[in-house]
């Protein structure tokens, strides 16, 4: 299953991975919003979420008053983000787009968000540099990138084979989500099998999805950002930000 297929297939049930998706939207928006305003001032700011998925970060930032645009490789996910925004009375233009070829003019945004481990779907340094170069291009001078990934320095040392199950209790019953990780011989990349057990009366319906990731260490990620032309690269940990993953902040140099 390619990356687009993974998220197209998962879009209608992505929120079921969270115990309370609406609460996560609020919490993640606030955490990223603090980083955004600490760096750029109170705003509101023009923000591109270039891997918006069904809107987990974009909706939270839009609810804070920022002018957010969402793009995603998966048109099914992006369309759902637009519907979720409409349901909440939020303005969130969305489009399907590859982060390596963004459909926006130079210097269009004050900030770009690339969150929730989206960049590591790109499996080569060439592709990562292309995505970061596009980020640089669409940022205004002095603009900010906020990029989050899993804590891969630790994960590459421990090479876990699975992730603990997550349980969501809804009106139809409990949904259980868990992951198996299959590490490649290079020790850097892994295939993820995502399993969801969906309630169905006396039986369970099992859905599976598959994707591949590059477990990029933090310094290598920052180095690739600098190679693309971004500067002032600083990692912020979850204890500092309240976000569930480490967040790399980087800037497009001002003239």
C-alpha atoms as a PDB file:
ATOM      1  CA  UNK A   1       0.000   0.000   0.000  1.00  0.00           C
ATOM      2  CA  UNK A   2       1.510   3.361  -0.997  1.00  0.00           C
ATOM      3  CA  UNK A   3       1.288   6.428   1.244  1.00  0.00           C
ATOM      4  CA  UNK A   4      -1.658   7.957  -0.547  1.00  0.00           C
ATOM      5  CA  UNK A   5      -3.542   4.656  -0.480  1.00  0.00           C
ATOM      6  CA  UNK A   6      -2.775   4.241   3.226  1.00  0.00           C
ATOM      7  CA  UNK A   7      -4.420   7.552   4.107  1.00  0.00           C
ATOM      8  CA  UNK A   8      -7.217   7.353   1.541  1.00  0.00           C
ATOM      9  CA  UNK A   9      -8.288   4.043   3.050  1.00  0.00           C
ATOM     10  CA  UNK A  10      -7.891   5.259   6.629  1.00  0.00           C
ATOM     11  CA  UNK A  11      -9.583   8.651   6.288  1.00  0.00           C
ATOM     12  CA  UNK A  12     -13.075   7.650   7.424  1.00  0.00           C
ATOM     13  CA  UNK A  13     -11.777   6.031  10.622  1.00  0.00           C
ATOM     14  CA  UNK A  14      -8.605   7.978  11.420  1.00  0.00           C
ATOM     15  CA  UNK A  15     -10.294   9.722  14.346  1.00  0.00           C
ATOM     16  CA  UNK A  16     -11.016   6.309  15.909  1.00  0.00           C
ATOM     17  CA  UNK A  17      -7.318   6.003  16.785  1.00  0.00           C
ATOM     18  CA  UNK A  18      -7.858   8.645  19.491  1.00  0.00           C
ATOM     19  CA  UNK A  19      -9.628   8.149  22.794  1.00  0.00           C
ATOM     20  CA  UNK A  20     -11.155  11.605  22.174  1.00  0.00           C
ATOM     21  CA  UNK A  21     -10.254  13.103  18.808  1.00  0.00           C
ATOM     22  CA  UNK A  22     -11.976  16.450  19.445  1.00  0.00           C
ATOM     23  CA  UNK A  23      -9.976  16.901  22.644  1.00  0.00           C
ATOM     24  CA  UNK A  24      -6.782  16.048  20.743  1.00  0.00           C
ATOM     25  CA  UNK A  25      -7.620  18.637  18.070  1.00  0.00           C
ATOM     26  CA  UNK A  26      -7.900  21.297  20.773  1.00  0.00           C
ATOM     27  CA  UNK A  27      -4.800  20.190  22.683  1.00  0.00           C
ATOM     28  CA  UNK A  28      -2.555  19.899  19.633  1.00  0.00           C
ATOM     29  CA  UNK A  29      -3.751  23.204  18.222  1.00  0.00           C
ATOM     30  CA  UNK A  30      -2.945  24.970  21.463  1.00  0.00           C
ATOM     31  CA  UNK A  31       0.513  23.387  21.730  1.00  0.00           C
ATOM     32  CA  UNK A  32       1.463  24.322  18.173  1.00  0.00           C
ATOM     33  CA  UNK A  33      -0.214  27.700  18.557  1.00  0.00           C
ATOM     34  CA  UNK A  34       2.029  28.552  21.503  1.00  0.00           C
ATOM     35  CA  UNK A  35       5.137  27.727  19.473  1.00  0.00           C
ATOM     36  CA  UNK A  36       3.790  29.766  16.585  1.00  0.00           C
ATOM     37  CA  UNK A  37       3.004  32.889  18.583  1.00  0.00           C
ATOM     38  CA  UNK A  38       6.163  32.648  20.684  1.00  0.00           C
ATOM     39  CA  UNK A  39       8.173  32.806  17.461  1.00  0.00           C
ATOM     40  CA  UNK A  40       6.100  35.184  15.335  1.00  0.00           C
ATOM     41  CA  UNK A  41       3.967  37.177  17.760  1.00  0.00           C
ATOM     42  CA  UNK A  42       0.255  36.942  18.516  1.00  0.00           C
ATOM     43  CA  UNK A  43      -1.007  36.977  14.923  1.00  0.00           C
ATOM     44  CA  UNK A  44      -3.316  35.785  13.514  1.00  0.00           C
ATOM     45  CA  UNK A  45      -0.901  34.195  11.061  1.00  0.00           C
ATOM     46  CA  UNK A  46      -1.277  32.612   7.647  1.00  0.00           C
ATOM     47  CA  UNK A  47      -0.448  28.928   8.118  1.00  0.00           C
ATOM     48  CA  UNK A  48      -0.080  26.033   5.691  1.00  0.00           C
ATOM     49  CA  UNK A  49      -0.564  22.559   7.120  1.00  0.00           C
ATOM     50  CA  UNK A  50       1.086  20.592   4.311  1.00  0.00           C
ATOM     51  CA  UNK A  51       0.128  17.147   5.660  1.00  0.00           C
ATOM     52  CA  UNK A  52      -3.223  18.053   7.179  1.00  0.00           C
ATOM     53  CA  UNK A  53      -4.797  14.593   7.076  1.00  0.00           C
ATOM     54  CA  UNK A  54      -8.345  14.857   8.396  1.00  0.00           C
ATOM     55  CA  UNK A  55      -7.462  18.116  10.153  1.00  0.00           C
ATOM     56  CA  UNK A  56      -6.114  17.206  13.576  1.00  0.00           C
ATOM     57  CA  UNK A  57      -3.676  20.129  13.755  1.00  0.00           C
ATOM     58  CA  UNK A  58      -5.231  22.435  11.144  1.00  0.00           C
ATOM     59  CA  UNK A  59      -8.629  22.531  12.853  1.00  0.00           C
ATOM     60  CA  UNK A  60      -7.073  23.346  16.211  1.00  0.00           C
ATOM     61  CA  UNK A  61      -5.022  26.205  14.762  1.00  0.00           C
ATOM     62  CA  UNK A  62      -7.996  27.573  12.809  1.00  0.00           C
ATOM     63  CA  UNK A  63     -10.090  27.543  15.984  1.00  0.00           C
ATOM     64  CA  UNK A  64      -7.471  29.832  17.543  1.00  0.00           C
ATOM     65  CA  UNK A  65      -8.058  32.382  14.768  1.00  0.00           C
ATOM     66  CA  UNK A  66      -5.146  31.633  12.462  1.00  0.00           C
ATOM     67  CA  UNK A  67      -5.773  31.667   8.705  1.00  0.00           C
ATOM     68  CA  UNK A  68      -5.029  28.031   7.914  1.00  0.00           C
ATOM     69  CA  UNK A  69      -4.863  26.224   4.577  1.00  0.00           C
ATOM     70  CA  UNK A  70      -4.646  22.439   4.548  1.00  0.00           C
ATOM     71  CA  UNK A  71      -3.092  20.212   1.910  1.00  0.00           C
ATOM     72  CA  UNK A  72      -2.526  16.476   1.940  1.00  0.00           C
ATOM     73  CA  UNK A  73      -1.307  13.798  -0.422  1.00  0.00           C
ATOM     74  CA  UNK A  74      -4.603  12.000   0.223  1.00  0.00           C
ATOM     75  CA  UNK A  75      -7.558  13.775  -1.420  1.00  0.00           C
ATOM     76  CA  UNK A  76      -9.940  11.685   0.695  1.00  0.00           C
ATOM     77  CA  UNK A  77      -8.307  12.901   3.910  1.00  0.00           C
ATOM     78  CA  UNK A  78      -8.177  16.523   2.761  1.00  0.00           C
ATOM     79  CA  UNK A  79     -11.853  16.424   1.815  1.00  0.00           C
ATOM     80  CA  UNK A  80     -12.747  15.125   5.251  1.00  0.00           C
ATOM     81  CA  UNK A  81     -10.716  17.932   6.865  1.00  0.00           C
ATOM     82  CA  UNK A  82     -12.813  20.394   4.883  1.00  0.00           C
ATOM     83  CA  UNK A  83     -16.047  18.766   6.053  1.00  0.00           C
ATOM     84  CA  UNK A  84     -14.867  18.751   9.664  1.00  0.00           C
ATOM     85  CA  UNK A  85     -14.065  22.459   9.401  1.00  0.00           C
ATOM     86  CA  UNK A  86     -17.507  23.229   7.973  1.00  0.00           C
ATOM     87  CA  UNK A  87     -19.151  21.253  10.774  1.00  0.00           C
ATOM     88  CA  UNK A  88     -17.321  23.445  13.288  1.00  0.00           C
ATOM     89  CA  UNK A  89     -17.984  26.709  11.463  1.00  0.00           C
ATOM     90  CA  UNK A  90     -14.283  27.155  10.654  1.00  0.00           C
ATOM     91  CA  UNK A  91     -12.728  28.502   7.457  1.00  0.00           C
ATOM     92  CA  UNK A  92     -10.223  25.888   6.252  1.00  0.00           C
ATOM     93  CA  UNK A  93      -9.495  25.786   2.509  1.00  0.00           C
ATOM     94  CA  UNK A  94      -8.149  22.350   1.590  1.00  0.00           C
ATOM     95  CA  UNK A  95      -6.570  20.735  -1.458  1.00  0.00           C
ATOM     96  CA  UNK A  96      -4.812  17.539  -2.443  1.00  0.00           C
ATOM     97  CA  UNK A  97      -1.102  18.213  -2.939  1.00  0.00           C
ATOM     98  CA  UNK A  98       2.276  16.560  -2.551  1.00  0.00           C
ATOM     99  CA  UNK A  99       4.505  18.413  -0.070  1.00  0.00           C
ATOM    100  CA  UNK A 100       7.309  18.140  -2.646  1.00  0.00           C
ATOM    101  CA  UNK A 101       5.318  20.239  -5.159  1.00  0.00           C
ATOM    102  CA  UNK A 102       3.051  22.733  -3.400  1.00  0.00           C
ATOM    103  CA  UNK A 103       0.526  24.707  -5.492  1.00  0.00           C
ATOM    104  CA  UNK A 104       1.268  28.100  -3.910  1.00  0.00           C
ATOM    105  CA  UNK A 105       3.236  31.200  -4.829  1.00  0.00           C
ATOM    106  CA  UNK A 106       6.547  32.016  -3.230  1.00  0.00           C
ATOM    107  CA  UNK A 107       6.392  33.573   0.259  1.00  0.00           C
ATOM    108  CA  UNK A 108       2.662  32.823   0.697  1.00  0.00           C
ATOM    109  CA  UNK A 109       2.676  31.833   4.381  1.00  0.00           C
ATOM    110  CA  UNK A 110       3.928  33.035   7.734  1.00  0.00           C
ATOM    111  CA  UNK A 111       4.289  29.433   8.911  1.00  0.00           C
ATOM    112  CA  UNK A 112       4.212  25.868   7.637  1.00  0.00           C
ATOM    113  CA  UNK A 113       3.162  22.966   9.867  1.00  0.00           C
ATOM    114  CA  UNK A 114       4.209  19.419   8.965  1.00  0.00           C
ATOM    115  CA  UNK A 115       3.129  17.380  11.959  1.00  0.00           C
ATOM    116  CA  UNK A 116       2.431  13.905  13.250  1.00  0.00           C
ATOM    117  CA  UNK A 117       5.327  12.064  11.604  1.00  0.00           C
ATOM    118  CA  UNK A 118       4.332  12.938   8.026  1.00  0.00           C
ATOM    119  CA  UNK A 119       7.788  13.805   6.647  1.00  0.00           C
ATOM    120  CA  UNK A 120       9.260  10.322   7.380  1.00  0.00           C
ATOM    121  CA  UNK A 121       6.934   8.825   4.765  1.00  0.00           C
ATOM    122  CA  UNK A 122       9.557  10.198   2.353  1.00  0.00           C
ATOM    123  CA  UNK A 123      12.167   7.460   2.184  1.00  0.00           C
ATOM    124  CA  UNK A 124      15.182   9.174   0.590  1.00  0.00           C
ATOM    125  CA  UNK A 125      17.247  12.250   1.371  1.00  0.00           C
ATOM    126  CA  UNK A 126      16.431  13.575  -2.112  1.00  0.00           C
ATOM    127  CA  UNK A 127      12.683  13.508  -1.415  1.00  0.00           C
ATOM    128  CA  UNK A 128      13.050  14.993   2.076  1.00  0.00           C
ATOM    129  CA  UNK A 129      15.198  17.829   0.704  1.00  0.00           C
ATOM    130  CA  UNK A 130      12.600  18.463  -2.016  1.00  0.00           C
ATOM    131  CA  UNK A 131       9.814  18.769   0.559  1.00  0.00           C
ATOM    132  CA  UNK A 132      11.861  21.058   2.789  1.00  0.00           C
ATOM    133  CA  UNK A 133      12.874  23.195  -0.199  1.00  0.00           C
ATOM    134  CA  UNK A 134       9.199  23.637  -1.064  1.00  0.00           C
ATOM    135  CA  UNK A 135       8.538  24.611   2.543  1.00  0.00           C
ATOM    136  CA  UNK A 136      11.287  27.230   2.302  1.00  0.00           C
ATOM    137  CA  UNK A 137       9.865  28.551  -0.969  1.00  0.00           C
ATOM    138  CA  UNK A 138       6.323  29.112   0.287  1.00  0.00           C
ATOM    139  CA  UNK A 139       7.438  30.674   3.591  1.00  0.00           C
ATOM    140  CA  UNK A 140       7.831  34.433   3.758  1.00  0.00           C
ATOM    141  CA  UNK A 141      11.289  35.664   4.799  1.00  0.00           C
ATOM    142  CA  UNK A 142      11.519  35.118   8.542  1.00  0.00           C
ATOM    143  CA  UNK A 143       8.692  32.563   8.388  1.00  0.00           C
ATOM    144  CA  UNK A 144       8.534  29.495  10.601  1.00  0.00           C
ATOM    145  CA  UNK A 145       8.460  25.733  10.019  1.00  0.00           C
ATOM    146  CA  UNK A 146       7.034  23.496  12.757  1.00  0.00           C
ATOM    147  CA  UNK A 147       7.821  19.860  11.985  1.00  0.00           C
ATOM    148  CA  UNK A 148       7.081  16.920  14.280  1.00  0.00           C
ATOM    149  CA  UNK A 149       8.254  13.313  14.078  1.00  0.00           C
ATOM    150  CA  UNK A 150       8.406  10.349  16.380  1.00  0.00           C
ATOM    151  CA  UNK A 151      11.406  10.324  18.791  1.00  0.00           C
ATOM    152  CA  UNK A 152      13.554   8.372  16.380  1.00  0.00           C
ATOM    153  CA  UNK A 153      16.869   8.662  18.207  1.00  0.00           C
ATOM    154  CA  UNK A 154      15.394   6.510  20.972  1.00  0.00           C
ATOM    155  CA  UNK A 155      13.351   4.280  18.651  1.00  0.00           C
ATOM    156  CA  UNK A 156      16.351   3.408  16.487  1.00  0.00           C
ATOM    157  CA  UNK A 157      18.187   2.238  19.584  1.00  0.00           C
ATOM    158  CA  UNK A 158      15.317   0.116  20.903  1.00  0.00           C
ATOM    159  CA  UNK A 159      13.760  -0.917  17.556  1.00  0.00           C
ATOM    160  CA  UNK A 160      10.327  -1.707  19.027  1.00  0.00           C
ATOM    161  CA  UNK A 161       8.270  -4.376  17.335  1.00  0.00           C
ATOM    162  CA  UNK A 162       4.887  -2.907  18.279  1.00  0.00           C
ATOM    163  CA  UNK A 163       3.059  -0.011  19.852  1.00  0.00           C
ATOM    164  CA  UNK A 164       0.659  -0.394  22.757  1.00  0.00           C
ATOM    165  CA  UNK A 165      -3.037  -0.624  21.820  1.00  0.00           C
ATOM    166  CA  UNK A 166      -5.225   2.476  21.931  1.00  0.00           C
ATOM    167  CA  UNK A 167      -8.871   2.110  22.918  1.00  0.00           C
ATOM    168  CA  UNK A 168     -11.680   4.460  21.981  1.00  0.00           C
ATOM    169  CA  UNK A 169     -15.097   4.026  23.548  1.00  0.00           C
ATOM    170  CA  UNK A 170     -17.923   5.350  21.396  1.00  0.00           C
ATOM    171  CA  UNK A 171     -21.680   4.939  21.105  1.00  0.00           C
ATOM    172  CA  UNK A 172     -21.249   1.726  19.094  1.00  0.00           C
ATOM    173  CA  UNK A 173     -18.695   0.212  21.478  1.00  0.00           C
ATOM    174  CA  UNK A 174     -14.944   0.110  21.718  1.00  0.00           C
ATOM    175  CA  UNK A 175     -12.486   0.466  18.845  1.00  0.00           C
ATOM    176  CA  UNK A 176      -9.015  -0.972  19.442  1.00  0.00           C
ATOM    177  CA  UNK A 177      -6.058   0.274  17.378  1.00  0.00           C
ATOM    178  CA  UNK A 178      -2.550  -1.175  17.532  1.00  0.00           C
ATOM    179  CA  UNK A 179       0.580  -1.287  15.390  1.00  0.00           C
ATOM    180  CA  UNK A 180       3.235  -3.814  14.442  1.00  0.00           C
ATOM    181  CA  UNK A 181       6.598  -2.517  13.214  1.00  0.00           C
ATOM    182  CA  UNK A 182       8.832  -4.518  10.870  1.00  0.00           C
ATOM    183  CA  UNK A 183      12.335  -3.021  10.721  1.00  0.00           C
ATOM    184  CA  UNK A 184      14.301  -3.214   7.493  1.00  0.00           C
ATOM    185  CA  UNK A 185      17.829  -4.685   7.519  1.00  0.00           C
ATOM    186  CA  UNK A 186      19.277  -1.156   7.172  1.00  0.00           C
ATOM    187  CA  UNK A 187      18.003  -0.386  10.689  1.00  0.00           C
ATOM    188  CA  UNK A 188      16.615   2.952   9.453  1.00  0.00           C
ATOM    189  CA  UNK A 189      13.314   2.155   7.796  1.00  0.00           C
ATOM    190  CA  UNK A 190      10.367   0.101   8.935  1.00  0.00           C
ATOM    191  CA  UNK A 191       7.039  -1.139   7.638  1.00  0.00           C
ATOM    192  CA  UNK A 192       4.057  -0.400   9.840  1.00  0.00           C
ATOM    193  CA  UNK A 193       0.977  -2.595  10.014  1.00  0.00           C
ATOM    194  CA  UNK A 194      -1.949  -0.721  11.533  1.00  0.00           C
ATOM    195  CA  UNK A 195      -4.742  -2.913  12.872  1.00  0.00           C
ATOM    196  CA  UNK A 196      -8.162  -1.655  13.929  1.00  0.00           C
ATOM    197  CA  UNK A 197     -10.749  -3.833  15.593  1.00  0.00           C
ATOM    198  CA  UNK A 198     -14.129  -2.208  15.006  1.00  0.00           C
ATOM    199  CA  UNK A 199     -17.186  -3.086  17.099  1.00  0.00           C
ATOM    200  CA  UNK A 200     -20.001  -4.965  15.409  1.00  0.00           C
ATOM    201  CA  UNK A 201     -22.397  -6.465  17.913  1.00  0.00           C
ATOM    202  CA  UNK A 202     -21.139  -9.874  18.996  1.00  0.00           C
ATOM    203  CA  UNK A 203     -18.231  -9.841  16.498  1.00  0.00           C
ATOM    204  CA  UNK A 204     -15.295  -7.639  15.569  1.00  0.00           C
ATOM    205  CA  UNK A 205     -14.482  -6.273  12.133  1.00  0.00           C
ATOM    206  CA  UNK A 206     -10.721  -6.130  11.495  1.00  0.00           C
ATOM    207  CA  UNK A 207      -9.243  -3.505   9.189  1.00  0.00           C
ATOM    208  CA  UNK A 208      -5.547  -3.327   8.347  1.00  0.00           C
ATOM    209  CA  UNK A 209      -3.440  -0.661   6.662  1.00  0.00           C
ATOM    210  CA  UNK A 210       0.257  -0.628   5.773  1.00  0.00           C
ATOM    211  CA  UNK A 211       2.850   2.117   5.357  1.00  0.00           C
ATOM    212  CA  UNK A 212       6.630   2.569   5.345  1.00  0.00           C
ATOM    213  CA  UNK A 213       8.636   5.171   7.287  1.00  0.00           C
ATOM    214  CA  UNK A 214      12.219   6.419   7.457  1.00  0.00           C
ATOM    215  CA  UNK A 215      13.255   6.703  11.102  1.00  0.00           C
ATOM    216  CA  UNK A 216      15.208   9.941  10.751  1.00  0.00           C
ATOM    217  CA  UNK A 217      17.266  10.943  13.800  1.00  0.00           C
ATOM    218  CA  UNK A 218      16.745  14.478  15.037  1.00  0.00           C
ATOM    219  CA  UNK A 219      20.132  15.859  14.049  1.00  0.00           C
ATOM    220  CA  UNK A 220      19.870  14.329  10.569  1.00  0.00           C
ATOM    221  CA  UNK A 221      16.433  15.912  10.149  1.00  0.00           C
ATOM    222  CA  UNK A 222      17.792  19.297  11.237  1.00  0.00           C
ATOM    223  CA  UNK A 223      20.775  18.854   8.910  1.00  0.00           C
ATOM    224  CA  UNK A 224      18.472  18.178   5.951  1.00  0.00           C
ATOM    225  CA  UNK A 225      16.475  21.284   6.865  1.00  0.00           C
ATOM    226  CA  UNK A 226      19.651  23.352   6.852  1.00  0.00           C
ATOM    227  CA  UNK A 227      20.721  21.849   3.525  1.00  0.00           C
ATOM    228  CA  UNK A 228      17.382  23.016   2.121  1.00  0.00           C
ATOM    229  CA  UNK A 229      18.155  26.570   3.281  1.00  0.00           C
ATOM    230  CA  UNK A 230      16.294  26.755   6.598  1.00  0.00           C
ATOM    231  CA  UNK A 231      18.069  28.196   9.614  1.00  0.00           C
ATOM    232  CA  UNK A 232      17.798  28.469  13.427  1.00  0.00           C
ATOM    233  CA  UNK A 233      16.889  24.785  13.749  1.00  0.00           C
ATOM    234  CA  UNK A 234      15.835  23.925  17.313  1.00  0.00           C
ATOM    235  CA  UNK A 235      14.127  20.805  18.638  1.00  0.00           C
ATOM    236  CA  UNK A 236      11.471  21.200  21.351  1.00  0.00           C
ATOM    237  CA  UNK A 237      10.509  18.184  23.463  1.00  0.00           C
ATOM    238  CA  UNK A 238       6.998  17.163  24.536  1.00  0.00           C
ATOM    239  CA  UNK A 239       7.570  18.215  28.147  1.00  0.00           C
ATOM    240  CA  UNK A 240       8.350  21.732  26.947  1.00  0.00           C
ATOM    241  CA  UNK A 241       5.541  22.104  24.424  1.00  0.00           C
ATOM    242  CA  UNK A 242       2.719  19.808  25.514  1.00  0.00           C
ATOM    243  CA  UNK A 243       2.719  18.337  21.989  1.00  0.00           C
ATOM    244  CA  UNK A 244       2.862  14.552  21.790  1.00  0.00           C
ATOM    245  CA  UNK A 245       5.981  14.417  19.600  1.00  0.00           C
ATOM    246  CA  UNK A 246       9.272  16.326  19.423  1.00  0.00           C
ATOM    247  CA  UNK A 247       8.865  19.450  17.273  1.00  0.00           C
ATOM    248  CA  UNK A 248      11.589  20.962  15.096  1.00  0.00           C
ATOM    249  CA  UNK A 249      11.321  24.725  14.662  1.00  0.00           C
ATOM    250  CA  UNK A 250      13.255  26.313  11.781  1.00  0.00           C
ATOM    251  CA  UNK A 251      13.139  29.656   9.994  1.00  0.00           C
ATOM    252  CA  UNK A 252      13.430  30.950   6.457  1.00  0.00           C
ATOM    253  CA  UNK A 253      16.244  33.496   6.697  1.00  0.00           C
ATOM    254  CA  UNK A 254      15.149  37.118   6.664  1.00  0.00           C
ATOM    255  CA  UNK A 255      16.881  39.389   4.125  1.00  0.00           C
END
